[in-house]
Amino acid sequence: MRPEFDVIGTVLQIVNLLLLISWLVLIMLALIRLRKRQLEPIIQVLWTIVVILIPILGPLAFFIVAPGKAKKG
């Protein structure tokens, strides 16, 4: 006897995987941009914590607020 293929379960797993990947990409992009900003060290640490610990909204908040000035060179 062959087990039935669960289409809905498979689609949900794919969606979850895509959400996880997009969250990780957003974190990486936000942290790369954070390193390129001229900010005080404590502010960088706080933004790093926000970006890492608040899924999706943390990196989006960083991109919306865009704190500090971009470093030259």
Protein backbone atom coordinates (compact mmCIF):
# COMPACT_ATOMS: atom_id res chain seq x y z
CA MET A 1 0.00 0.00 0.00
CA ARG A 2 1.37 3.40 -1.04
CA PRO A 3 0.91 6.45 1.24
CA GLU A 4 -1.07 9.31 -0.31
CA PHE A 5 0.75 12.42 -1.43
CA ASP A 6 -0.23 15.42 0.72
CA VAL A 7 -0.27 18.35 -1.71
CA ILE A 8 -1.37 20.99 0.80
CA GLY A 9 1.27 19.91 3.32
CA THR A 10 3.98 20.04 0.67
CA VAL A 11 2.92 23.51 -0.52
CA LEU A 12 2.91 24.80 3.06
CA GLN A 13 6.41 23.41 3.62
CA ILE A 14 7.64 25.15 0.46
CA VAL A 15 6.05 28.44 1.56
CA ASN A 16 7.65 28.11 5.01
CA LEU A 17 11.03 27.42 3.42
CA LEU A 18 10.71 30.47 1.15
CA LEU A 19 9.77 32.66 4.14
CA LEU A 20 12.78 31.41 6.08
CA ILE A 21 15.12 32.05 3.15
CA SER A 22 13.71 35.55 2.59
CA TRP A 23 14.08 36.35 6.30
CA LEU A 24 17.72 35.22 6.27
CA VAL A 25 18.44 37.24 3.12
CA LEU A 26 16.83 40.33 4.67
CA ILE A 27 18.95 39.90 7.80
CA MET A 28 22.13 39.54 5.77
CA LEU A 29 21.38 42.60 3.63
CA ALA A 30 20.49 44.69 6.68
CA LEU A 31 23.66 43.68 8.53
CA ILE A 32 25.82 44.43 5.49
CA ARG A 33 24.24 47.86 5.15
CA LEU A 34 24.55 48.42 8.91
CA ARG A 35 28.32 47.91 8.69
CA LYS A 36 28.48 50.58 5.97
CA ARG A 37 26.78 53.20 8.15
CA GLN A 38 28.51 55.77 10.36
CA LEU A 39 26.89 55.11 13.71
CA GLU A 40 28.02 55.02 17.29
CA PRO A 41 28.97 51.50 18.40
CA ILE A 42 26.07 51.20 20.88
CA ILE A 43 23.59 52.19 18.16
CA GLN A 44 25.07 49.57 15.83
CA VAL A 45 24.73 46.93 18.54
CA LEU A 46 21.10 47.89 19.21
CA TRP A 47 20.23 47.81 15.49
CA THR A 48 21.97 44.45 15.16
CA ILE A 49 19.86 43.05 18.00
CA VAL A 50 16.65 44.44 16.47
CA VAL A 51 17.49 43.10 13.00
CA ILE A 52 18.32 39.61 14.27
CA LEU A 53 15.66 39.14 16.95
CA ILE A 54 12.58 40.61 15.29
CA PRO A 55 11.72 38.47 12.27
CA ILE A 56 10.98 40.32 9.02
CA LEU A 57 9.98 43.57 10.78
CA GLY A 58 13.44 44.20 12.26
CA PRO A 59 15.27 44.33 8.91
CA LEU A 60 12.38 46.20 7.29
CA ALA A 61 12.47 48.79 10.08
CA PHE A 62 16.20 49.24 9.48
CA PHE A 63 15.66 49.83 5.76
CA ILE A 64 12.80 52.27 6.42
CA VAL A 65 14.60 54.28 9.11
CA ALA A 66 18.03 54.10 7.38
CA PRO A 67 19.95 55.48 10.37
CA GLY A 68 23.20 57.41 10.03
CA LYS A 69 25.15 58.33 6.94
CA ALA A 70 26.78 55.92 4.56
CA LYS A 71 30.56 55.66 4.97
CA LYS A 72 32.65 56.97 2.13
CA GLY A 73 35.13 54.63 0.51
